[in-house]
């Protein structure tokens, strides 16, 4: 398949407003694709590179290259060039990257160059998400969408299911089954603004602690234990405590869903950053385990004794979990009958927050396990943290945000009357807000180095965020997690912005 075909479809999908049109476009593309091209076509349309980040900046990508007059690049050739690019390292790497990028761009037409730039910089945003691609794949092959969705859930990969479907037709879906030792994509939760909203939507439900840890899926087959993350990475060797815990359970074959967390000396949960650092440690695991011992907390059972539990209602799956896992290793919860029992749910949330956890997940008792999807039967509720911060600067955007000041540098007031940067964000910005923000910040600009525009600290912006984590990059020793713009506060002066001390006081567990 030529890259120009992919670029054309990407452009058409971006222009289509109707989901049915997007699906039809992708279905037509998949019919024309060969089975072994699909593992490239799907991630490219979704804006992902199979090679991951390539370490190529705009100093290389921004160099003009005369485009080819006629399309000739194939998808496989692009993959080979990008694989070559990803391997470049060491002395002279900048020049070598420039050579590879130059050759790739020189073989691409002008339209293909735009698509490649968006793909490499992560700016491909045309709505061809995996859910739409899945529907397109079902339409292209005549397979029921529900069966394709279940196969993807069990395979943990849309690409592998697509390859099998295009090669062998709908009968290939029978190969994908829940198997101990092969991870499945985890079920995810939507967000509710309050416990009252969540219980009102779900009726009879369980209200469980929402733990700020690392999601894990634990597979045991006799004496063999494997542990996987939510992205299906195998981290078994890094968590000997979880292997021991799994081997200590009475069952011989099972798949459990849960979190790994850690506690400090006072019994309070340690920060996500500490847990992530421990789970990410690959060197001297024994020393890491002594420094930050972790514990599993399970909240679901997907398979027990070779029985696939995915289609059981949550109440039934939890009964199997309770039979297998002792209470100290199960998530704390309360069960409510519906809105009439709301005070119990709200009391549980308050107690959960007092214990240092980030909120609750409300789960319908009659819901099956919708792996790999944000099911409407799981709703997370957690307090939204907001801060009024001052814009200290902004970075020029790329791709569709070229010419706009996008990535904001955010600061809190310091005791000496200055400002300390707490992090950056480009999230939450509409096109209209981007335009206004660019004009306003250019009025306040004091320096522009071509990448970052430094501005006079005059604009106050309300920022929502999920918490703090320690950081040596910023002067306060912390940075915001998942920051996003709520609105600009033109009614506030910079002197009314939040202080560094206010920020730290709200999160004592991560005070540097």
Protein backbone atom coordinates (compact mmCIF):
# COMPACT_ATOMS: atom_id res chain seq x y z
CA UNK A 1 0.00 0.00 0.00
CA UNK A 2 1.27 3.44 -0.92
CA UNK A 3 1.63 6.00 1.85
CA UNK A 4 -0.38 8.48 -0.22
CA UNK A 5 -3.46 6.27 0.23
CA UNK A 6 -3.03 6.45 4.00
CA UNK A 7 -2.52 10.20 3.91
CA UNK A 8 -5.67 10.61 1.81
CA UNK A 9 -7.76 8.55 4.22
CA UNK A 10 -6.33 10.39 7.21
CA UNK A 11 -7.35 13.70 5.68
CA UNK A 12 -10.84 12.45 4.80
CA UNK A 13 -11.38 10.98 8.27
CA UNK A 14 -10.32 14.28 9.82
CA UNK A 15 -12.87 16.12 7.68
CA UNK A 16 -15.72 13.67 8.37
CA UNK A 17 -18.00 14.61 11.24
CA UNK A 18 -20.20 11.51 11.16
CA UNK A 19 -18.86 8.40 12.89
CA UNK A 20 -20.53 6.24 10.22
CA UNK A 21 -18.52 8.00 7.51
CA UNK A 22 -15.26 7.52 9.41
CA UNK A 23 -16.04 3.81 9.79
CA UNK A 24 -16.86 3.45 6.08
CA UNK A 25 -13.60 5.13 5.08
CA UNK A 26 -11.56 2.83 7.30
CA UNK A 27 -13.47 -0.25 6.15
CA UNK A 28 -12.63 0.55 2.52
CA UNK A 29 -8.98 1.05 3.44
CA UNK A 30 -8.80 -2.26 5.31
CA UNK A 31 -10.33 -4.13 2.36
CA UNK A 32 -7.45 -2.90 0.21
CA UNK A 33 -4.72 -3.57 2.79
CA UNK A 34 -2.70 -6.76 3.00
CA UNK A 35 -2.85 -8.61 6.31
CA UNK A 36 0.77 -7.87 7.23
CA UNK A 37 0.32 -4.13 6.50
CA UNK A 38 -2.43 -3.67 9.07
CA UNK A 39 -0.07 -3.57 12.10
CA UNK A 40 1.33 -0.39 10.48
CA UNK A 41 -1.84 1.11 9.00
CA UNK A 42 -3.83 1.09 12.25
CA UNK A 43 -1.26 2.79 14.50
CA UNK A 44 -0.35 5.30 11.77
CA UNK A 45 -3.98 6.39 11.46
CA UNK A 46 -4.24 6.66 15.24
CA UNK A 47 -1.08 8.78 15.36
CA UNK A 48 1.14 6.13 16.95
CA UNK A 49 4.54 4.90 15.85
CA UNK A 50 5.24 1.18 16.39
CA UNK A 51 8.86 2.23 17.10
CA UNK A 52 7.78 4.56 19.92
CA UNK A 53 9.47 7.94 20.34
CA UNK A 54 12.24 8.52 17.82
CA UNK A 55 14.08 11.37 19.54
CA UNK A 56 13.86 13.62 16.49
CA UNK A 57 13.33 17.32 17.16
CA UNK A 58 12.30 20.25 15.04
CA UNK A 59 15.93 21.18 14.31
CA UNK A 60 15.92 18.13 12.06
CA UNK A 61 12.27 17.99 11.04
CA UNK A 62 12.08 21.71 10.31
CA UNK A 63 14.69 21.61 7.54
CA UNK A 64 12.92 22.11 4.19
CA UNK A 65 13.21 19.22 1.74
CA UNK A 66 11.91 19.40 -1.81
CA UNK A 67 8.98 16.99 -2.12
CA UNK A 68 8.75 14.21 -4.70
CA UNK A 69 6.62 14.91 -7.74
CA UNK A 70 4.80 11.56 -7.75
CA UNK A 71 3.87 9.19 -4.89
CA UNK A 72 6.03 6.09 -4.66
CA UNK A 73 6.62 5.49 -0.92
CA UNK A 74 4.99 2.36 0.46
CA UNK A 75 3.88 1.91 4.05
CA UNK A 76 6.49 -0.82 4.51
CA UNK A 77 9.27 1.45 3.22
CA UNK A 78 8.23 4.16 5.69
CA UNK A 79 8.34 1.63 8.52
CA UNK A 80 11.84 0.53 7.49
CA UNK A 81 13.09 4.15 7.41
CA UNK A 82 11.54 4.94 10.79
CA UNK A 83 13.02 1.79 12.29
CA UNK A 84 16.42 2.89 10.98
CA UNK A 85 15.83 6.35 12.47
CA UNK A 86 14.96 4.90 15.87
CA UNK A 87 18.28 3.03 16.04
CA UNK A 88 20.43 6.13 15.52
CA UNK A 89 22.42 6.99 18.66
CA UNK A 90 25.82 8.12 19.85
CA UNK A 91 28.34 10.56 18.34
CA UNK A 92 27.22 12.07 15.08
CA UNK A 93 23.63 11.03 15.66
CA UNK A 94 22.23 14.45 14.81
CA UNK A 95 23.76 14.39 11.35
CA UNK A 96 22.71 10.80 10.81
CA UNK A 97 19.11 11.56 11.83
CA UNK A 98 19.12 14.50 9.45
CA UNK A 99 20.30 12.21 6.63
CA UNK A 100 17.60 9.58 7.25
CA UNK A 101 14.84 12.17 7.65
CA UNK A 102 16.04 13.99 4.53
CA UNK A 103 15.93 10.81 2.45
CA UNK A 104 12.48 9.91 3.78
CA UNK A 105 11.02 13.37 3.17
CA UNK A 106 12.68 13.60 -0.23
CA UNK A 107 10.86 10.44 -1.32
CA UNK A 108 7.50 11.83 -0.11
CA UNK A 109 5.09 14.11 -1.92
CA UNK A 110 4.05 17.38 -0.28
CA UNK A 111 0.89 15.82 1.16
CA UNK A 112 2.84 12.79 2.36
CA UNK A 113 5.40 15.08 4.02
CA UNK A 114 2.63 16.77 6.01
CA UNK A 115 1.31 13.40 7.13
CA UNK A 116 4.78 12.15 8.12
CA UNK A 117 5.56 15.32 10.07
CA UNK A 118 2.30 14.94 11.99
CA UNK A 119 3.00 11.26 12.63
CA UNK A 120 6.58 11.76 13.88
CA UNK A 121 5.67 14.75 16.07
CA UNK A 122 2.52 13.16 17.50
CA UNK A 123 0.24 15.72 15.89
CA UNK A 124 -1.96 13.30 13.92
CA UNK A 125 -5.37 13.93 15.43
CA UNK A 126 -8.04 12.96 12.94
CA UNK A 127 -10.33 10.88 15.14
CA UNK A 128 -9.27 7.46 13.82
CA UNK A 129 -9.17 6.01 17.27
CA UNK A 130 -9.03 2.28 17.88
CA UNK A 131 -12.78 2.07 18.58
CA UNK A 132 -13.56 3.49 15.13
CA UNK A 133 -10.92 1.32 13.49
CA UNK A 134 -12.44 -1.72 15.19
CA UNK A 135 -15.85 -0.93 13.68
CA UNK A 136 -14.23 -0.39 10.30
CA UNK A 137 -12.45 -3.72 10.55
CA UNK A 138 -15.72 -5.48 11.37
CA UNK A 139 -17.44 -3.83 8.40
CA UNK A 140 -14.57 -4.70 6.07
CA UNK A 141 -14.56 -8.40 6.98
CA UNK A 142 -18.24 -9.05 7.71
CA UNK A 143 -17.48 -10.07 11.30
CA UNK A 144 -19.87 -8.98 14.10
CA UNK A 145 -18.43 -5.92 15.82
CA UNK A 146 -19.10 -7.44 19.27
CA UNK A 147 -17.05 -10.51 18.35
CA UNK A 148 -14.18 -8.36 17.06
CA UNK A 149 -14.29 -6.26 20.24
CA UNK A 150 -14.11 -9.36 22.43
CA UNK A 151 -11.21 -10.80 20.41
CA UNK A 152 -9.28 -7.52 20.78
CA UNK A 153 -9.98 -7.56 24.49
CA UNK A 154 -8.59 -11.07 24.83
CA UNK A 155 -5.66 -10.57 22.47
CA UNK A 156 -4.69 -7.23 23.97
CA UNK A 157 -4.03 -5.89 20.48
CA UNK A 158 -6.27 -4.62 17.69
CA UNK A 159 -3.43 -5.08 15.22
CA UNK A 160 -3.03 -8.82 15.86
CA UNK A 161 -6.78 -9.42 15.53
CA UNK A 162 -6.88 -7.36 12.33
CA UNK A 163 -4.02 -9.37 10.83
CA UNK A 164 -5.82 -12.65 11.58
CA UNK A 165 -9.19 -11.37 10.35
CA UNK A 166 -7.85 -10.06 7.05
CA UNK A 167 -5.85 -13.23 6.47
CA UNK A 168 -8.45 -15.85 7.46
CA UNK A 169 -11.83 -14.16 7.81
CA UNK A 170 -14.29 -14.12 10.75
CA UNK A 171 -13.51 -17.73 11.72
CA UNK A 172 -10.13 -16.48 12.98
CA UNK A 173 -11.85 -14.84 15.94
CA UNK A 174 -12.34 -18.25 17.57
CA UNK A 175 -8.59 -18.38 18.25
CA UNK A 176 -8.77 -15.54 20.75
CA UNK A 177 -9.73 -16.83 24.19
CA UNK A 178 -9.01 -15.89 27.77
CA UNK A 179 -5.82 -17.78 28.54
CA UNK A 180 -3.85 -17.79 31.77
CA UNK A 181 -0.47 -16.29 30.98
CA UNK A 182 -1.71 -14.05 28.16
CA UNK A 183 -2.77 -10.61 29.45
CA UNK A 184 -5.98 -8.90 28.43
CA UNK A 185 -6.66 -5.19 28.24
CA UNK A 186 -8.08 -3.92 31.55
CA UNK A 187 -11.56 -2.51 32.02
CA UNK A 188 -11.47 1.24 32.62
CA UNK A 189 -13.82 3.71 34.28
CA UNK A 190 -15.62 6.82 33.13
CA UNK A 191 -15.77 9.86 35.41
CA UNK A 192 -18.69 11.05 37.51
CA UNK A 193 -18.81 14.44 39.20
CA UNK A 194 -20.09 13.06 42.50
CA UNK A 195 -21.03 9.88 44.32
CA UNK A 196 -24.67 10.94 44.05
CA UNK A 197 -24.39 11.09 40.26
CA UNK A 198 -22.65 7.71 40.07
CA UNK A 199 -25.10 5.90 42.36
CA UNK A 200 -28.02 7.58 40.58
CA UNK A 201 -26.83 6.17 37.26
CA UNK A 202 -25.90 2.67 38.43
CA UNK A 203 -28.42 1.80 41.14
CA UNK A 204 -27.26 -1.19 43.17
CA UNK A 205 -23.49 -0.90 43.23
CA UNK A 206 -20.23 -1.36 45.08
CA UNK A 207 -18.28 1.71 46.14
CA UNK A 208 -14.56 0.87 46.25
CA UNK A 209 -11.45 2.78 47.20
CA UNK A 210 -9.67 4.30 44.21
CA UNK A 211 -5.98 3.64 44.80
CA UNK A 212 -3.27 5.81 43.28
CA UNK A 213 -0.98 2.93 42.44
CA UNK A 214 0.06 0.86 39.42
CA UNK A 215 -2.59 -1.30 37.78
CA UNK A 216 -1.54 -4.94 37.64
CA UNK A 217 -2.94 -8.15 36.22
CA UNK A 218 -1.68 -11.26 37.97
CA UNK A 219 -1.71 -14.65 36.20
CA UNK A 220 -0.93 -17.87 38.05
CA UNK A 221 -0.60 -21.30 36.45
CA UNK A 222 0.57 -23.73 39.11
CA UNK A 223 4.01 -22.57 40.27
CA UNK A 224 4.31 -20.02 37.46
CA UNK A 225 3.27 -16.41 38.07
CA UNK A 226 3.30 -13.57 35.56
CA UNK A 227 2.50 -9.93 36.33
CA UNK A 228 1.44 -7.41 33.69
CA UNK A 229 0.77 -3.67 33.66
CA UNK A 230 -2.29 -1.97 32.14
CA UNK A 231 -0.28 -1.61 28.93
CA UNK A 232 0.42 -5.38 29.03
CA UNK A 233 4.12 -5.06 29.85
CA UNK A 234 5.56 -8.01 31.78
CA UNK A 235 6.99 -6.73 35.09
CA UNK A 236 7.14 -10.05 36.94
CA UNK A 237 10.85 -9.84 37.73
CA UNK A 238 10.47 -6.40 39.35
CA UNK A 239 7.82 -7.38 41.89
CA UNK A 240 8.86 -10.46 43.88
CA UNK A 241 6.35 -9.53 46.63
CA UNK A 242 3.47 -10.02 44.21
CA UNK A 243 4.78 -13.37 43.03
CA UNK A 244 4.96 -14.55 46.64
CA UNK A 245 1.47 -13.25 47.37
CA UNK A 246 0.01 -15.01 44.32
CA UNK A 247 1.71 -18.30 45.22
CA UNK A 248 0.29 -17.99 48.73
CA UNK A 249 -3.31 -18.07 47.48
CA UNK A 250 -5.26 -21.33 47.44
CA UNK A 251 -6.07 -21.38 43.71
CA UNK A 252 -3.78 -23.04 41.20
CA UNK A 253 -4.93 -21.22 38.04
CA UNK A 254 -6.36 -17.72 38.00
CA UNK A 255 -6.23 -14.22 36.56
CA UNK A 256 -6.74 -11.34 39.00
CA UNK A 257 -7.06 -7.60 38.43
CA UNK A 258 -5.81 -5.07 40.96
CA UNK A 259 -3.31 -2.40 41.96
CA UNK A 260 0.10 -2.42 43.56
CA UNK A 261 0.56 0.23 46.24
CA UNK A 262 2.98 1.14 49.02
CA UNK A 263 2.58 2.66 52.49
CA UNK A 264 4.78 4.90 54.60
CA UNK A 265 5.69 4.36 58.24
CA UNK A 266 2.41 5.94 59.41
CA UNK A 267 0.35 3.60 57.24
CA UNK A 268 -0.51 6.30 54.71
CA UNK A 269 -0.26 5.53 50.98
CA UNK A 270 2.98 6.64 49.38
CA UNK A 271 2.88 8.91 46.34
CA UNK A 272 2.28 7.54 42.87
CA UNK A 273 5.73 8.74 41.86
CA UNK A 274 7.43 6.59 44.52
CA UNK A 275 5.42 3.53 43.50
CA UNK A 276 6.08 4.12 39.81
CA UNK A 277 9.78 4.52 40.56
CA UNK A 278 9.81 1.22 42.42
CA UNK A 279 7.89 -0.64 39.71
CA UNK A 280 10.13 0.88 37.06
CA UNK A 281 13.34 -0.17 38.80
CA UNK A 282 15.17 -2.90 36.88
CA UNK A 283 18.51 -2.81 38.74
CA UNK A 284 19.00 -4.35 42.19
CA UNK A 285 15.35 -5.28 42.65
CA UNK A 286 16.04 -6.63 46.13
CA UNK A 287 17.36 -3.25 47.32
CA UNK A 288 14.41 -1.47 45.69
CA UNK A 289 12.01 -3.84 47.45
CA UNK A 290 13.61 -3.10 50.82
CA UNK A 291 13.41 0.65 50.22
CA UNK A 292 9.83 0.69 48.93
CA UNK A 293 8.00 -2.56 49.72
CA UNK A 294 4.76 -2.87 47.79
CA UNK A 295 1.51 -4.77 48.34
CA UNK A 296 -1.15 -6.05 45.96
CA UNK A 297 -4.77 -4.99 46.37
CA UNK A 298 -7.12 -7.02 44.18
CA UNK A 299 -10.59 -5.94 43.08
CA UNK A 300 -11.65 -8.36 40.33
CA UNK A 301 -11.28 -11.95 39.17
CA UNK A 302 -11.26 -12.68 35.45
CA UNK A 303 -10.56 -16.39 35.53
CA UNK A 304 -10.50 -18.98 38.32
CA UNK A 305 -9.81 -22.70 37.90
CA UNK A 306 -10.03 -22.46 34.10
CA UNK A 307 -13.45 -20.76 34.28
CA UNK A 308 -13.77 -17.61 32.19
CA UNK A 309 -15.58 -15.11 34.45
CA UNK A 310 -15.69 -12.12 32.08
CA UNK A 311 -19.40 -12.45 31.34
CA UNK A 312 -20.41 -12.95 34.97
CA UNK A 313 -21.99 -9.95 36.72
CA UNK A 314 -19.60 -8.08 38.97
CA UNK A 315 -21.30 -9.46 42.08
CA UNK A 316 -20.51 -12.98 40.91
CA UNK A 317 -16.91 -12.16 40.02
CA UNK A 318 -16.38 -10.56 43.43
CA UNK A 319 -17.75 -13.67 45.13
CA UNK A 320 -15.07 -15.69 43.32
CA UNK A 321 -12.46 -13.12 44.32
CA UNK A 322 -13.52 -13.27 47.98
CA UNK A 323 -13.31 -17.07 47.90
CA UNK A 324 -9.75 -16.94 46.58
CA UNK A 325 -8.19 -13.80 48.11
CA UNK A 326 -8.15 -13.00 51.86
CA UNK A 327 -9.72 -9.70 52.92
CA UNK A 328 -6.44 -7.83 53.66
CA UNK A 329 -5.50 -8.25 49.99
CA UNK A 330 -8.89 -7.13 48.65
CA UNK A 331 -9.88 -3.53 48.04
CA UNK A 332 -11.99 -1.89 50.76
CA UNK A 333 -15.59 -1.44 49.65
CA UNK A 334 -19.15 -0.94 50.66
CA UNK A 335 -22.24 -2.13 48.81
CA UNK A 336 -25.26 0.15 48.46
CA UNK A 337 -28.71 -0.69 47.16
CA UNK A 338 -29.17 2.55 45.21
CA UNK A 339 -29.90 6.26 45.71
CA UNK A 340 -31.85 5.53 48.88
CA UNK A 341 -28.62 4.32 50.44
CA UNK A 342 -26.59 7.35 49.29
CA UNK A 343 -25.38 8.52 52.76
CA UNK A 344 -23.43 5.27 53.18
CA UNK A 345 -21.69 5.83 49.85
CA UNK A 346 -20.81 9.44 50.68
CA UNK A 347 -19.52 8.44 54.13
CA UNK A 348 -17.33 5.82 52.48
CA UNK A 349 -15.85 8.45 50.13
CA UNK A 350 -15.05 10.76 53.05
CA UNK A 351 -13.38 7.92 54.95
CA UNK A 352 -11.40 6.92 51.86
CA UNK A 353 -10.08 10.46 51.47
CA UNK A 354 -9.14 10.57 55.17
CA UNK A 355 -7.14 7.39 54.65
CA UNK A 356 -5.11 9.21 51.99
CA UNK A 357 -6.55 7.65 48.83
CA UNK A 358 -7.63 9.71 45.84
CA UNK A 359 -11.33 8.84 45.60
CA UNK A 360 -13.67 5.96 44.83
CA UNK A 361 -14.78 3.82 41.92
CA UNK A 362 -18.50 3.04 41.83
CA UNK A 363 -19.29 -0.26 40.08
CA UNK A 364 -22.64 -1.69 38.98
CA UNK A 365 -23.21 -5.10 40.58
CA UNK A 366 -24.78 -6.53 37.41
CA UNK A 367 -22.05 -5.47 34.96
CA UNK A 368 -19.82 -7.86 33.03
CA UNK A 369 -16.10 -7.14 32.54
CA UNK A 370 -15.68 -4.92 29.47
CA UNK A 371 -11.96 -5.32 29.04
CA UNK A 372 -10.11 -2.66 27.13
CA UNK A 373 -13.00 -0.20 27.30
CA UNK A 374 -14.19 2.63 29.52
CA UNK A 375 -17.38 0.96 30.59
CA UNK A 376 -20.31 3.10 31.74
CA UNK A 377 -20.81 0.61 34.58
CA UNK A 378 -17.61 1.78 36.34
CA UNK A 379 -17.55 5.42 37.39
CA UNK A 380 -14.64 7.05 39.21
CA UNK A 381 -15.24 9.91 41.61
CA UNK A 382 -12.41 11.99 43.01
CA UNK A 383 -12.07 15.58 44.16
CA UNK A 384 -10.88 17.89 41.41
CA UNK A 385 -7.89 19.94 42.54
CA UNK A 386 -7.67 23.40 41.00
CA UNK A 387 -5.12 26.18 41.32
CA UNK A 388 -4.97 29.75 40.14
CA UNK A 389 -1.52 30.04 38.55
CA UNK A 390 0.29 32.68 36.52
CA UNK A 391 1.44 32.16 32.93
CA UNK A 392 5.21 32.69 32.79
CA UNK A 393 5.68 31.74 29.15
CA UNK A 394 4.46 29.52 26.34
CA UNK A 395 5.93 27.37 23.59
CA UNK A 396 5.16 27.70 19.91
CA UNK A 397 2.99 24.80 18.76
CA UNK A 398 3.63 22.29 15.98
CA UNK A 399 1.42 20.53 13.47
CA UNK A 400 -2.12 21.88 13.58
CA UNK A 401 -1.02 24.31 16.30
CA UNK A 402 1.75 25.84 14.22
CA UNK A 403 1.71 29.61 14.65
CA UNK A 404 -0.09 29.37 17.98
CA UNK A 405 1.37 29.70 21.49
CA UNK A 406 0.35 26.38 22.97
CA UNK A 407 2.30 24.77 25.83
CA UNK A 408 1.89 27.04 28.87
CA UNK A 409 4.57 27.50 31.54
CA UNK A 410 2.74 27.75 34.87
CA UNK A 411 3.96 29.42 38.05
CA UNK A 412 2.88 29.87 41.68
CA UNK A 413 3.77 32.84 43.86
CA UNK A 414 6.84 32.61 46.09
CA UNK A 415 7.49 34.24 49.46
CA UNK A 416 9.78 36.86 47.93
CA UNK A 417 7.10 38.11 45.54
CA UNK A 418 8.35 36.18 42.51
CA UNK A 419 7.02 33.07 40.78
CA UNK A 420 8.18 29.46 40.75
CA UNK A 421 7.36 27.30 37.76
CA UNK A 422 5.33 24.18 38.61
CA UNK A 423 4.99 22.64 35.18
CA UNK A 424 3.52 22.94 31.71
CA UNK A 425 0.29 22.08 29.92
CA UNK A 426 -1.28 22.35 26.48
CA UNK A 427 -4.43 20.42 27.46
CA UNK A 428 -7.91 21.89 27.73
CA UNK A 429 -7.34 24.53 25.05
CA UNK A 430 -10.02 25.00 22.41
CA UNK A 431 -9.14 26.50 19.03
CA UNK A 432 -10.81 29.76 20.05
CA UNK A 433 -8.89 29.87 23.33
CA UNK A 434 -5.63 29.13 21.51
CA UNK A 435 -6.20 32.09 19.21
CA UNK A 436 -7.04 34.44 22.09
CA UNK A 437 -4.16 33.12 24.19
CA UNK A 438 -1.65 33.64 21.38
CA UNK A 439 -2.71 37.24 20.82
CA UNK A 440 -2.73 38.08 24.52
CA UNK A 441 0.62 36.46 25.29
CA UNK A 442 2.31 38.17 22.34
CA UNK A 443 1.19 41.46 23.88
CA UNK A 444 2.92 40.44 27.12
CA UNK A 445 6.06 38.98 25.49
CA UNK A 446 9.47 40.07 26.73
CA UNK A 447 11.57 37.49 24.86
CA UNK A 448 11.12 35.01 22.01
CA UNK A 449 13.92 32.55 21.29
CA UNK A 450 11.98 30.88 18.47
CA UNK A 451 10.76 28.08 20.69
CA UNK A 452 9.63 29.67 23.98
CA UNK A 453 8.04 33.07 24.46
CA UNK A 454 8.70 34.50 27.92
CA UNK A 455 5.96 36.87 29.08
CA UNK A 456 5.35 39.37 31.85
CA UNK A 457 3.54 37.51 34.66
CA UNK A 458 0.13 39.14 34.28
CA UNK A 459 -2.32 36.43 33.20
CA UNK A 460 -3.93 34.18 35.83
CA UNK A 461 -5.27 30.84 34.63
CA UNK A 462 -7.30 28.26 36.55
CA UNK A 463 -5.68 24.84 36.26
CA UNK A 464 -7.19 21.47 37.16
CA UNK A 465 -4.73 18.74 38.08
CA UNK A 466 -4.68 15.27 39.60
CA UNK A 467 -1.95 15.78 42.18
CA UNK A 468 1.74 16.54 42.59
CA UNK A 469 4.91 14.59 42.12
CA UNK A 470 8.45 15.39 43.14
CA UNK A 471 10.65 16.88 40.44
CA UNK A 472 14.20 18.21 40.40
CA UNK A 473 13.45 20.13 37.20
CA UNK A 474 11.40 22.80 38.93
CA UNK A 475 12.48 25.20 41.70
CA UNK A 476 9.72 24.20 44.14
CA UNK A 477 10.81 20.56 43.91
CA UNK A 478 7.41 19.43 42.65
CA UNK A 479 5.39 19.46 39.45
CA UNK A 480 1.71 19.10 38.59
CA UNK A 481 0.29 15.78 37.41
CA UNK A 482 -2.11 15.83 34.43
CA UNK A 483 -2.56 19.60 34.44
CA UNK A 484 -5.20 21.07 32.13
CA UNK A 485 -6.67 24.52 31.55
CA UNK A 486 -10.11 25.20 33.02
CA UNK A 487 -10.39 28.90 32.18
CA UNK A 488 -8.53 32.16 32.29
CA UNK A 489 -9.23 34.35 35.34
CA UNK A 490 -9.02 37.87 34.00
CA UNK A 491 -10.88 38.95 37.11
CA UNK A 492 -7.82 38.06 39.22
CA UNK A 493 -4.51 39.83 39.61
CA UNK A 494 -1.20 37.90 39.75
CA UNK A 495 -0.93 38.80 43.44
CA UNK A 496 -4.05 36.71 44.03
CA UNK A 497 -2.60 33.55 42.49
CA UNK A 498 -1.91 30.54 44.69
CA UNK A 499 1.41 30.34 46.50
CA UNK A 500 3.94 27.54 46.47
CA UNK A 501 3.28 26.98 50.18
CA UNK A 502 -0.46 26.62 49.53
CA UNK A 503 0.24 24.03 46.88
CA UNK A 504 2.63 22.03 49.07
CA UNK A 505 0.33 22.21 52.10
CA UNK A 506 -2.45 20.54 50.11
CA UNK A 507 -0.19 17.56 49.30
CA UNK A 508 1.99 16.89 52.36
CA UNK A 509 2.88 13.38 51.17
CA UNK A 510 4.95 14.77 48.29
CA UNK A 511 6.56 17.74 50.05
CA UNK A 512 10.22 17.75 48.91
